[in-house]
Amino acid sequence: MNYPPSVRLVEVGPRDGLQNEPQPVPAAVKIELVHRLQDSGLREIEVTSYVSPKWVPQMADNHQVMSGIQRRDGVRYSVLTPNLKGFEAALADRPDEIVVFGAASEAFSQKNINCGIAESIARFAPVVQAALDAGIAVRGAMSCTVGCPYEGEIAPERVEMLAGLMKAIGVQRVDVADTIGVGTPLKVQRAIEATLKHYELDQVSGHFHDTYGQALSNTLAALQLGVWNFQSSVAGLGGCPYAKGATGNVATEDLVYLLHGMGIATGIDLDALVDAGAYISTALGRPTNSRVARALLARRG
């Protein structure tokens, strides 16, 4: 099996991981988390989102967080911008990349943003164009690519359609996301293969939740197709507010341990990463969800 020699990770913990936390997380804690993550060697970090604080109060401090980060050369800082108003607010904070999103499920799209798939992409078109005009990179998050809490299993043809719509409005790279963590390896491979009908391999990343304990298996399946971009969340933070029982993203620590064990380079110091996960877990008042972190912390005694 010809696995990629190196992998690039996008750390989504500060945004995707924390956005649904019920307790307010101080901006200073978020800033420190970003600093610790970049100190561990991570070179892509999804920091925050520019959404209405009415809907996502946890991200109301977006400007404070973005302006408080001590940026490091070679690190890409991305933010979620759901509309032009959000993009215009983000522009002042100089993100390197914006993220727009769409679902491969009509029902999920309606529940999440109150419109269908085609309409959601049409809404994002001016946001994407504005970002490209400003010289800002654009990534598209494709949710529910293998399963939906309302529709059940998602056909690869739906994923292919969504990828084509994103390509048509100028989205430069996309995430194939198993948002509710129901995917298994062959289903994930089919979703990725459907996406590859519109995007090059270098423009596709895997984003796997671990609800059913399949995230690392699905990562291996994606690696077998040559995928070398993945998203993960330190300490396994996160979940999905529209999918009852869905747990967080695959823990970055667990993913790095897998990759290093396979001889695949990440540029990440696992011990420093474990420290970053322990820091945010302590701030949240609960143990880390990363099995690797728990094992390594126990070994330290």
C-alpha atoms as a PDB file:
ATOM      1  CA  MET A   1       0.000   0.000   0.000  1.00  0.00           C
ATOM      2  CA  ASN A   2       1.486   3.346  -1.046  1.00  0.00           C
ATOM      3  CA  TYR A   3       0.589   5.665   1.790  1.00  0.00           C
ATOM      4  CA  PRO A   4       1.503   9.362   1.535  1.00  0.00           C
ATOM      5  CA  PRO A   5       4.891  10.105   3.122  1.00  0.00           C
ATOM      6  CA  SER A   6       3.543  13.106   5.020  1.00  0.00           C
ATOM      7  CA  VAL A   7       0.194  14.470   6.133  1.00  0.00           C
ATOM      8  CA  ARG A   8      -1.045  18.010   6.755  1.00  0.00           C
ATOM      9  CA  LEU A   9      -3.473  18.425   9.628  1.00  0.00           C
ATOM     10  CA  VAL A  10      -6.016  21.201  10.067  1.00  0.00           C
ATOM     11  CA  GLU A  11      -6.706  21.666  13.768  1.00  0.00           C
ATOM     12  CA  VAL A  12     -10.377  22.572  14.254  1.00  0.00           C
ATOM     13  CA  GLY A  13     -10.576  22.432  18.046  1.00  0.00           C
ATOM     14  CA  PRO A  14     -10.685  26.191  18.732  1.00  0.00           C
ATOM     15  CA  ARG A  15     -13.684  26.640  16.415  1.00  0.00           C
ATOM     16  CA  ASP A  16     -15.493  23.389  15.634  1.00  0.00           C
ATOM     17  CA  GLY A  17     -14.451  21.877  18.941  1.00  0.00           C
ATOM     18  CA  LEU A  18     -15.511  24.696  21.246  1.00  0.00           C
ATOM     19  CA  GLN A  19     -18.499  26.216  19.444  1.00  0.00           C
ATOM     20  CA  ASN A  20     -21.090  24.031  21.195  1.00  0.00           C
ATOM     21  CA  GLU A  21     -19.627  24.210  24.697  1.00  0.00           C
ATOM     22  CA  PRO A  22     -22.449  25.313  27.017  1.00  0.00           C
ATOM     23  CA  GLN A  23     -20.149  27.197  29.381  1.00  0.00           C
ATOM     24  CA  PRO A  24     -18.423  30.375  28.167  1.00  0.00           C
ATOM     25  CA  VAL A  25     -14.747  29.809  27.400  1.00  0.00           C
ATOM     26  CA  PRO A  26     -12.756  33.015  27.988  1.00  0.00           C
ATOM     27  CA  ALA A  27     -11.043  34.552  24.990  1.00  0.00           C
ATOM     28  CA  ALA A  28      -7.719  34.352  26.828  1.00  0.00           C
ATOM     29  CA  VAL A  29      -8.090  30.574  27.090  1.00  0.00           C
ATOM     30  CA  LYS A  30      -8.865  30.282  23.377  1.00  0.00           C
ATOM     31  CA  ILE A  31      -5.858  32.426  22.495  1.00  0.00           C
ATOM     32  CA  GLU A  32      -3.587  30.357  24.725  1.00  0.00           C
ATOM     33  CA  LEU A  33      -4.947  27.185  23.128  1.00  0.00           C
ATOM     34  CA  VAL A  34      -4.068  28.470  19.655  1.00  0.00           C
ATOM     35  CA  HIS A  35      -0.573  29.383  20.864  1.00  0.00           C
ATOM     36  CA  ARG A  36      -0.048  25.915  22.347  1.00  0.00           C
ATOM     37  CA  LEU A  37      -1.324  24.248  19.186  1.00  0.00           C
ATOM     38  CA  GLN A  38       1.043  26.173  16.934  1.00  0.00           C
ATOM     39  CA  ASP A  39       3.878  25.526  19.399  1.00  0.00           C
ATOM     40  CA  SER A  40       3.250  21.796  18.929  1.00  0.00           C
ATOM     41  CA  GLY A  41       3.924  22.142  15.204  1.00  0.00           C
ATOM     42  CA  LEU A  42       0.413  22.512  13.777  1.00  0.00           C
ATOM     43  CA  ARG A  43       0.449  24.710  10.696  1.00  0.00           C
ATOM     44  CA  GLU A  44      -3.271  25.086   9.986  1.00  0.00           C
ATOM     45  CA  ILE A  45      -5.677  26.161  12.719  1.00  0.00           C
ATOM     46  CA  GLU A  46      -9.390  26.899  12.397  1.00  0.00           C
ATOM     47  CA  VAL A  47      -9.688  29.652  14.980  1.00  0.00           C
ATOM     48  CA  THR A  48     -13.248  30.987  15.188  1.00  0.00           C
ATOM     49  CA  SER A  49     -16.419  31.812  13.295  1.00  0.00           C
ATOM     50  CA  TYR A  50     -18.191  35.040  12.386  1.00  0.00           C
ATOM     51  CA  VAL A  51     -21.780  34.083  13.066  1.00  0.00           C
ATOM     52  CA  SER A  52     -24.531  35.815  14.985  1.00  0.00           C
ATOM     53  CA  PRO A  53     -23.844  35.568  18.735  1.00  0.00           C
ATOM     54  CA  LYS A  54     -27.555  34.889  19.068  1.00  0.00           C
ATOM     55  CA  TRP A  55     -27.026  31.491  17.443  1.00  0.00           C
ATOM     56  CA  VAL A  56     -23.460  30.699  18.542  1.00  0.00           C
ATOM     57  CA  PRO A  57     -22.699  32.746  21.672  1.00  0.00           C
ATOM     58  CA  GLN A  58     -19.421  30.876  22.207  1.00  0.00           C
ATOM     59  CA  MET A  59     -17.946  32.595  19.128  1.00  0.00           C
ATOM     60  CA  ALA A  60     -19.030  36.142  20.048  1.00  0.00           C
ATOM     61  CA  ASP A  61     -15.414  36.956  20.961  1.00  0.00           C
ATOM     62  CA  ASN A  62     -14.125  36.260  17.422  1.00  0.00           C
ATOM     63  CA  HIS A  63     -12.452  39.663  16.979  1.00  0.00           C
ATOM     64  CA  GLN A  64     -10.852  39.522  20.427  1.00  0.00           C
ATOM     65  CA  VAL A  65      -9.459  36.066  19.757  1.00  0.00           C
ATOM     66  CA  MET A  66      -8.159  36.769  16.253  1.00  0.00           C
ATOM     67  CA  SER A  67      -6.559  40.049  17.272  1.00  0.00           C
ATOM     68  CA  GLY A  68      -5.025  38.462  20.380  1.00  0.00           C
ATOM     69  CA  ILE A  69      -3.165  35.679  18.593  1.00  0.00           C
ATOM     70  CA  GLN A  70       0.563  36.099  18.134  1.00  0.00           C
ATOM     71  CA  ARG A  71       0.760  34.892  14.567  1.00  0.00           C
ATOM     72  CA  ARG A  72       3.568  32.696  13.405  1.00  0.00           C
ATOM     73  CA  ASP A  73       5.052  32.617   9.924  1.00  0.00           C
ATOM     74  CA  GLY A  74       4.008  29.517   8.048  1.00  0.00           C
ATOM     75  CA  VAL A  75       0.780  29.013  10.003  1.00  0.00           C
ATOM     76  CA  ARG A  76      -2.569  29.371   8.217  1.00  0.00           C
ATOM     77  CA  TYR A  77      -5.395  30.783  10.335  1.00  0.00           C
ATOM     78  CA  SER A  78      -8.893  30.030   9.036  1.00  0.00           C
ATOM     79  CA  VAL A  79     -12.347  31.207  10.112  1.00  0.00           C
ATOM     80  CA  LEU A  80     -15.931  30.219   9.319  1.00  0.00           C
ATOM     81  CA  THR A  81     -17.976  32.894   7.520  1.00  0.00           C
ATOM     82  CA  PRO A  82     -21.604  31.913   6.818  1.00  0.00           C
ATOM     83  CA  ASN A  83     -22.602  35.088   4.946  1.00  0.00           C
ATOM     84  CA  LEU A  84     -21.314  38.399   3.568  1.00  0.00           C
ATOM     85  CA  LYS A  85     -21.894  40.180   6.869  1.00  0.00           C
ATOM     86  CA  GLY A  86     -19.729  37.586   8.607  1.00  0.00           C
ATOM     87  CA  PHE A  87     -17.083  37.808   5.905  1.00  0.00           C
ATOM     88  CA  GLU A  88     -16.923  41.594   6.149  1.00  0.00           C
ATOM     89  CA  ALA A  89     -16.470  41.345   9.915  1.00  0.00           C
ATOM     90  CA  ALA A  90     -13.762  38.725   9.448  1.00  0.00           C
ATOM     91  CA  LEU A  91     -11.926  40.785   6.849  1.00  0.00           C
ATOM     92  CA  ALA A  92     -10.742  43.244   9.490  1.00  0.00           C
ATOM     93  CA  ASP A  93      -9.042  40.375  11.336  1.00  0.00           C
ATOM     94  CA  ARG A  94      -7.052  39.226   8.285  1.00  0.00           C
ATOM     95  CA  PRO A  95      -7.777  35.479   8.097  1.00  0.00           C
ATOM     96  CA  ASP A  96      -5.655  33.444   5.701  1.00  0.00           C
ATOM     97  CA  GLU A  97      -8.641  31.350   4.703  1.00  0.00           C
ATOM     98  CA  ILE A  98     -12.403  31.390   5.095  1.00  0.00           C
ATOM     99  CA  VAL A  99     -14.609  28.331   5.372  1.00  0.00           C
ATOM    100  CA  VAL A 100     -18.090  27.997   3.888  1.00  0.00           C
ATOM    101  CA  PHE A 101     -20.248  24.926   4.342  1.00  0.00           C
ATOM    102  CA  GLY A 102     -22.880  22.791   2.715  1.00  0.00           C
ATOM    103  CA  ALA A 103     -24.566  19.469   3.391  1.00  0.00           C
ATOM    104  CA  ALA A 104     -25.026  16.463   1.154  1.00  0.00           C
ATOM    105  CA  SER A 105     -28.412  16.019   2.857  1.00  0.00           C
ATOM    106  CA  GLU A 106     -31.406  18.231   2.070  1.00  0.00           C
ATOM    107  CA  ALA A 107     -32.972  17.578   5.467  1.00  0.00           C
ATOM    108  CA  PHE A 108     -29.774  18.434   7.336  1.00  0.00           C
ATOM    109  CA  SER A 109     -29.343  21.614   5.306  1.00  0.00           C
ATOM    110  CA  GLN A 110     -32.894  22.692   6.185  1.00  0.00           C
ATOM    111  CA  LYS A 111     -32.388  21.969   9.889  1.00  0.00           C
ATOM    112  CA  ASN A 112     -28.962  23.582  10.012  1.00  0.00           C
ATOM    113  CA  ILE A 113     -29.416  26.768   7.971  1.00  0.00           C
ATOM    114  CA  ASN A 114     -33.105  26.790   7.000  1.00  0.00           C
ATOM    115  CA  CYS A 115     -32.604  26.309   3.271  1.00  0.00           C
ATOM    116  CA  GLY A 116     -31.933  23.565   0.757  1.00  0.00           C
ATOM    117  CA  ILE A 117     -28.578  22.549  -0.674  1.00  0.00           C
ATOM    118  CA  ALA A 118     -28.789  24.546  -3.920  1.00  0.00           C
ATOM    119  CA  GLU A 119     -29.966  27.677  -2.133  1.00  0.00           C
ATOM    120  CA  SER A 120     -27.218  27.372   0.487  1.00  0.00           C
ATOM    121  CA  ILE A 121     -24.556  27.263  -2.227  1.00  0.00           C
ATOM    122  CA  ALA A 122     -26.140  30.232  -4.007  1.00  0.00           C
ATOM    123  CA  ARG A 123     -25.952  32.178  -0.733  1.00  0.00           C
ATOM    124  CA  PHE A 124     -22.270  31.374  -0.403  1.00  0.00           C
ATOM    125  CA  ALA A 125     -21.346  32.361  -3.957  1.00  0.00           C
ATOM    126  CA  PRO A 126     -20.903  36.114  -3.200  1.00  0.00           C
ATOM    127  CA  VAL A 127     -18.963  35.279  -0.020  1.00  0.00           C
ATOM    128  CA  VAL A 128     -16.562  33.059  -1.965  1.00  0.00           C
ATOM    129  CA  GLN A 129     -16.124  35.693  -4.675  1.00  0.00           C
ATOM    130  CA  ALA A 130     -15.475  38.437  -2.126  1.00  0.00           C
ATOM    131  CA  ALA A 131     -12.810  36.311  -0.445  1.00  0.00           C
ATOM    132  CA  LEU A 132     -11.093  35.449  -3.713  1.00  0.00           C
ATOM    133  CA  ASP A 133     -11.157  39.122  -4.727  1.00  0.00           C
ATOM    134  CA  ALA A 134      -9.456  39.943  -1.411  1.00  0.00           C
ATOM    135  CA  GLY A 135      -6.776  37.297  -1.971  1.00  0.00           C
ATOM    136  CA  ILE A 136      -8.123  35.038   0.790  1.00  0.00           C
ATOM    137  CA  ALA A 137      -8.230  31.266   0.303  1.00  0.00           C
ATOM    138  CA  VAL A 138     -11.575  29.451   0.409  1.00  0.00           C
ATOM    139  CA  ARG A 139     -12.314  26.012   1.815  1.00  0.00           C
ATOM    140  CA  GLY A 140     -15.665  24.242   1.669  1.00  0.00           C
ATOM    141  CA  ALA A 141     -16.878  21.972   4.454  1.00  0.00           C
ATOM    142  CA  MET A 142     -19.114  19.231   3.038  1.00  0.00           C
ATOM    143  CA  SER A 143     -21.140  17.780   5.905  1.00  0.00           C
ATOM    144  CA  CYS A 144     -23.108  14.528   6.141  1.00  0.00           C
ATOM    145  CA  THR A 145     -21.229  12.918   3.264  1.00  0.00           C
ATOM    146  CA  VAL A 146     -21.920   9.356   4.427  1.00  0.00           C
ATOM    147  CA  GLY A 147     -24.842   9.638   6.833  1.00  0.00           C
ATOM    148  CA  CYS A 148     -27.503  12.045   8.080  1.00  0.00           C
ATOM    149  CA  PRO A 149     -29.511  11.970  11.330  1.00  0.00           C
ATOM    150  CA  TYR A 150     -32.697  12.627   9.344  1.00  0.00           C
ATOM    151  CA  GLU A 151     -32.184  10.886   5.995  1.00  0.00           C
ATOM    152  CA  GLY A 152     -29.955   7.995   7.024  1.00  0.00           C
ATOM    153  CA  GLU A 153     -27.313   6.802   4.549  1.00  0.00           C
ATOM    154  CA  ILE A 154     -26.222   9.346   1.938  1.00  0.00           C
ATOM    155  CA  ALA A 155     -25.576   8.176  -1.622  1.00  0.00           C
ATOM    156  CA  PRO A 156     -22.210   9.072  -3.195  1.00  0.00           C
ATOM    157  CA  GLU A 157     -24.118  10.803  -6.004  1.00  0.00           C
ATOM    158  CA  ARG A 158     -25.283  13.414  -3.483  1.00  0.00           C
ATOM    159  CA  VAL A 159     -21.681  14.042  -2.470  1.00  0.00           C
ATOM    160  CA  GLU A 160     -20.646  14.359  -6.108  1.00  0.00           C
ATOM    161  CA  MET A 161     -23.425  16.892  -6.667  1.00  0.00           C
ATOM    162  CA  LEU A 162     -22.390  18.978  -3.651  1.00  0.00           C
ATOM    163  CA  ALA A 163     -18.721  18.916  -4.663  1.00  0.00           C
ATOM    164  CA  GLY A 164     -19.689  20.073  -8.161  1.00  0.00           C
ATOM    165  CA  LEU A 165     -21.751  22.945  -6.763  1.00  0.00           C
ATOM    166  CA  MET A 166     -18.870  24.058  -4.560  1.00  0.00           C
ATOM    167  CA  LYS A 167     -16.419  23.852  -7.435  1.00  0.00           C
ATOM    168  CA  ALA A 168     -18.748  25.945  -9.582  1.00  0.00           C
ATOM    169  CA  ILE A 169     -18.758  28.890  -7.154  1.00  0.00           C
ATOM    170  CA  GLY A 170     -14.965  28.906  -6.793  1.00  0.00           C
ATOM    171  CA  VAL A 171     -14.334  26.922  -3.592  1.00  0.00           C
ATOM    172  CA  GLN A 172     -10.682  25.888  -3.814  1.00  0.00           C
ATOM    173  CA  ARG A 173     -10.577  22.810  -1.584  1.00  0.00           C
ATOM    174  CA  VAL A 174     -13.132  20.748   0.295  1.00  0.00           C
ATOM    175  CA  ASP A 175     -13.544  18.615   3.401  1.00  0.00           C
ATOM    176  CA  VAL A 176     -15.324  15.279   3.159  1.00  0.00           C
ATOM    177  CA  ALA A 177     -16.972  15.219   6.578  1.00  0.00           C
ATOM    178  CA  ASP A 178     -18.615  12.345   8.393  1.00  0.00           C
ATOM    179  CA  THR A 179     -20.432  14.845  10.578  1.00  0.00           C
ATOM    180  CA  ILE A 180     -22.253  12.381  12.812  1.00  0.00           C
ATOM    181  CA  GLY A 181     -19.568   9.690  12.868  1.00  0.00           C
ATOM    182  CA  VAL A 182     -21.595   6.852  11.330  1.00  0.00           C
ATOM    183  CA  GLY A 183     -19.230   6.162   8.437  1.00  0.00           C
ATOM    184  CA  THR A 184     -17.251   2.997   7.846  1.00  0.00           C
ATOM    185  CA  PRO A 185     -14.220   2.625   5.566  1.00  0.00           C
ATOM    186  CA  LEU A 186     -15.839   1.610   2.274  1.00  0.00           C
ATOM    187  CA  LYS A 187     -18.574   4.241   2.610  1.00  0.00           C
ATOM    188  CA  VAL A 188     -15.971   6.891   3.311  1.00  0.00           C
ATOM    189  CA  GLN A 189     -13.924   5.804   0.301  1.00  0.00           C
ATOM    190  CA  ARG A 190     -17.007   6.074  -1.924  1.00  0.00           C
ATOM    191  CA  ALA A 191     -17.681   9.609  -0.661  1.00  0.00           C
ATOM    192  CA  ILE A 192     -14.071  10.606  -1.327  1.00  0.00           C
ATOM    193  CA  GLU A 193     -14.106   9.040  -4.791  1.00  0.00           C
ATOM    194  CA  ALA A 194     -17.289  10.989  -5.579  1.00  0.00           C
ATOM    195  CA  THR A 195     -15.563  14.207  -4.494  1.00  0.00           C
ATOM    196  CA  LEU A 196     -12.519  13.411  -6.637  1.00  0.00           C
ATOM    197  CA  LYS A 197     -14.706  13.723  -9.727  1.00  0.00           C
ATOM    198  CA  HIS A 198     -14.530  17.495  -9.189  1.00  0.00           C
ATOM    199  CA  TYR A 199     -11.410  18.094  -7.076  1.00  0.00           C
ATOM    200  CA  GLU A 200      -7.788  16.989  -7.249  1.00  0.00           C
ATOM    201  CA  LEU A 201      -6.448  14.739  -4.499  1.00  0.00           C
ATOM    202  CA  ASP A 202      -4.434  17.614  -3.010  1.00  0.00           C
ATOM    203  CA  GLN A 203      -7.645  19.628  -2.620  1.00  0.00           C
ATOM    204  CA  VAL A 204      -9.561  17.030  -0.595  1.00  0.00           C
ATOM    205  CA  SER A 205      -9.361  16.434   3.144  1.00  0.00           C
ATOM    206  CA  GLY A 206     -10.953  13.938   5.508  1.00  0.00           C
ATOM    207  CA  HIS A 207     -12.980  15.114   8.510  1.00  0.00           C
ATOM    208  CA  PHE A 208     -14.152  12.208  10.640  1.00  0.00           C
ATOM    209  CA  HIS A 209     -16.117  12.156  13.880  1.00  0.00           C
ATOM    210  CA  ASP A 210     -15.698   9.252  16.251  1.00  0.00           C
ATOM    211  CA  THR A 211     -19.260   8.585  17.445  1.00  0.00           C
ATOM    212  CA  TYR A 212     -19.076   4.872  16.598  1.00  0.00           C
ATOM    213  CA  GLY A 213     -15.318   4.555  17.082  1.00  0.00           C
ATOM    214  CA  GLN A 214     -14.617   4.455  13.355  1.00  0.00           C
ATOM    215  CA  ALA A 215     -12.659   7.688  12.831  1.00  0.00           C
ATOM    216  CA  LEU A 216      -9.179   6.131  12.742  1.00  0.00           C
ATOM    217  CA  SER A 217     -10.385   3.269  10.523  1.00  0.00           C
ATOM    218  CA  ASN A 218     -11.893   5.832   8.175  1.00  0.00           C
ATOM    219  CA  THR A 219      -8.645   7.805   8.217  1.00  0.00           C
ATOM    220  CA  LEU A 220      -6.761   4.674   7.158  1.00  0.00           C
ATOM    221  CA  ALA A 221      -9.280   4.134   4.351  1.00  0.00           C
ATOM    222  CA  ALA A 222      -8.725   7.701   3.150  1.00  0.00           C
ATOM    223  CA  LEU A 223      -4.942   7.281   3.338  1.00  0.00           C
ATOM    224  CA  GLN A 224      -5.276   4.223   1.110  1.00  0.00           C
ATOM    225  CA  LEU A 225      -6.768   6.478  -1.568  1.00  0.00           C
ATOM    226  CA  GLY A 226      -3.822   8.874  -1.216  1.00  0.00           C
ATOM    227  CA  VAL A 227      -5.605  11.554   0.830  1.00  0.00           C
ATOM    228  CA  TRP A 228      -2.994  13.497   2.798  1.00  0.00           C
ATOM    229  CA  ASN A 229      -5.058  16.319   4.320  1.00  0.00           C
ATOM    230  CA  PHE A 230      -7.079  15.669   7.468  1.00  0.00           C
ATOM    231  CA  GLN A 231      -8.945  17.635  10.101  1.00  0.00           C
ATOM    232  CA  SER A 232      -9.031  16.808  13.766  1.00  0.00           C
ATOM    233  CA  SER A 233      -9.739  18.355  17.127  1.00  0.00           C
ATOM    234  CA  VAL A 234      -7.356  18.388  20.072  1.00  0.00           C
ATOM    235  CA  ALA A 235      -8.658  16.324  23.015  1.00  0.00           C
ATOM    236  CA  GLY A 236     -11.486  15.123  20.731  1.00  0.00           C
ATOM    237  CA  LEU A 237     -13.478  18.301  21.332  1.00  0.00           C
ATOM    238  CA  GLY A 238     -16.725  18.941  19.510  1.00  0.00           C
ATOM    239  CA  GLY A 239     -20.003  17.435  18.447  1.00  0.00           C
ATOM    240  CA  CYS A 240     -22.988  18.272  16.285  1.00  0.00           C
ATOM    241  CA  PRO A 241     -25.973  20.179  17.730  1.00  0.00           C
ATOM    242  CA  TYR A 242     -28.281  18.738  15.067  1.00  0.00           C
ATOM    243  CA  ALA A 243     -27.339  15.083  15.591  1.00  0.00           C
ATOM    244  CA  LYS A 244     -28.321  13.563  18.930  1.00  0.00           C
ATOM    245  CA  GLY A 245     -25.485  11.514  20.397  1.00  0.00           C
ATOM    246  CA  ALA A 246     -22.836  12.598  17.885  1.00  0.00           C
ATOM    247  CA  THR A 247     -19.470  13.004  19.544  1.00  0.00           C
ATOM    248  CA  GLY A 248     -16.457  15.117  18.710  1.00  0.00           C
ATOM    249  CA  ASN A 249     -13.988  15.005  15.884  1.00  0.00           C
ATOM    250  CA  VAL A 250     -11.248  12.434  15.965  1.00  0.00           C
ATOM    251  CA  ALA A 251      -8.717  13.548  18.572  1.00  0.00           C
ATOM    252  CA  THR A 252      -5.640  15.129  17.018  1.00  0.00           C
ATOM    253  CA  GLU A 253      -3.429  13.248  19.480  1.00  0.00           C
ATOM    254  CA  ASP A 254      -4.878   9.900  18.379  1.00  0.00           C
ATOM    255  CA  LEU A 255      -4.502  10.778  14.719  1.00  0.00           C
ATOM    256  CA  VAL A 256      -0.877  11.891  15.150  1.00  0.00           C
ATOM    257  CA  TYR A 257      -0.052   8.698  17.061  1.00  0.00           C
ATOM    258  CA  LEU A 258      -1.510   6.618  14.213  1.00  0.00           C
ATOM    259  CA  LEU A 259       0.359   8.538  11.534  1.00  0.00           C
ATOM    260  CA  HIS A 260       3.699   8.494  13.340  1.00  0.00           C
ATOM    261  CA  GLY A 261       3.279   4.761  13.965  1.00  0.00           C
ATOM    262  CA  MET A 262       2.913   4.298  10.205  1.00  0.00           C
ATOM    263  CA  GLY A 263       6.048   6.323   9.512  1.00  0.00           C
ATOM    264  CA  ILE A 264       4.024   9.226   8.075  1.00  0.00           C
ATOM    265  CA  ALA A 265       5.452  12.641   8.923  1.00  0.00           C
ATOM    266  CA  THR A 266       3.251  15.371  10.437  1.00  0.00           C
ATOM    267  CA  GLY A 267       5.768  17.894  11.780  1.00  0.00           C
ATOM    268  CA  ILE A 268       3.974  17.721  15.133  1.00  0.00           C
ATOM    269  CA  ASP A 269       5.498  17.149  18.578  1.00  0.00           C
ATOM    270  CA  LEU A 270       3.072  14.654  20.150  1.00  0.00           C
ATOM    271  CA  ASP A 271       4.051  15.471  23.741  1.00  0.00           C
ATOM    272  CA  ALA A 272       3.470  19.188  23.197  1.00  0.00           C
ATOM    273  CA  LEU A 273       0.158  18.369  21.546  1.00  0.00           C
ATOM    274  CA  VAL A 274      -0.885  16.266  24.545  1.00  0.00           C
ATOM    275  CA  ASP A 275      -0.048  19.239  26.771  1.00  0.00           C
ATOM    276  CA  ALA A 276      -2.279  21.482  24.655  1.00  0.00           C
ATOM    277  CA  GLY A 277      -5.132  18.998  24.968  1.00  0.00           C
ATOM    278  CA  ALA A 278      -4.615  18.704  28.711  1.00  0.00           C
ATOM    279  CA  TYR A 279      -4.678  22.506  28.984  1.00  0.00           C
ATOM    280  CA  ILE A 280      -8.063  22.944  27.297  1.00  0.00           C
ATOM    281  CA  SER A 281      -9.547  19.888  29.027  1.00  0.00           C
ATOM    282  CA  THR A 282      -8.568  21.326  32.400  1.00  0.00           C
ATOM    283  CA  ALA A 283     -10.090  24.677  31.404  1.00  0.00           C
ATOM    284  CA  LEU A 284     -13.346  22.860  30.533  1.00  0.00           C
ATOM    285  CA  GLY A 285     -13.260  20.884  33.777  1.00  0.00           C
ATOM    286  CA  ARG A 286     -13.268  17.395  32.296  1.00  0.00           C
ATOM    287  CA  PRO A 287     -10.833  14.690  31.143  1.00  0.00           C
ATOM    288  CA  THR A 288      -9.520  14.629  27.608  1.00  0.00           C
ATOM    289  CA  ASN A 289     -11.402  12.472  25.101  1.00  0.00           C
ATOM    290  CA  SER A 290      -8.127  11.388  23.503  1.00  0.00           C
ATOM    291  CA  ARG A 291      -7.171   7.822  24.351  1.00  0.00           C
ATOM    292  CA  VAL A 292      -3.572   8.465  23.368  1.00  0.00           C
ATOM    293  CA  ALA A 293      -3.413  11.529  25.619  1.00  0.00           C
ATOM    294  CA  ARG A 294      -4.898   9.588  28.532  1.00  0.00           C
ATOM    295  CA  ALA A 295      -2.325   6.826  28.065  1.00  0.00           C
ATOM    296  CA  LEU A 296       0.630   9.194  27.770  1.00  0.00           C
ATOM    297  CA  LEU A 297      -0.492  11.335  30.706  1.00  0.00           C
ATOM    298  CA  ALA A 298      -0.880   8.203  32.843  1.00  0.00           C
ATOM    299  CA  ARG A 299       2.603   7.076  31.828  1.00  0.00           C
ATOM    300  CA  ARG A 300       3.989  10.418  32.976  1.00  0.00           C
ATOM    301  CA  GLY A 301       2.453   9.654  36.337  1.00  0.00           C
END
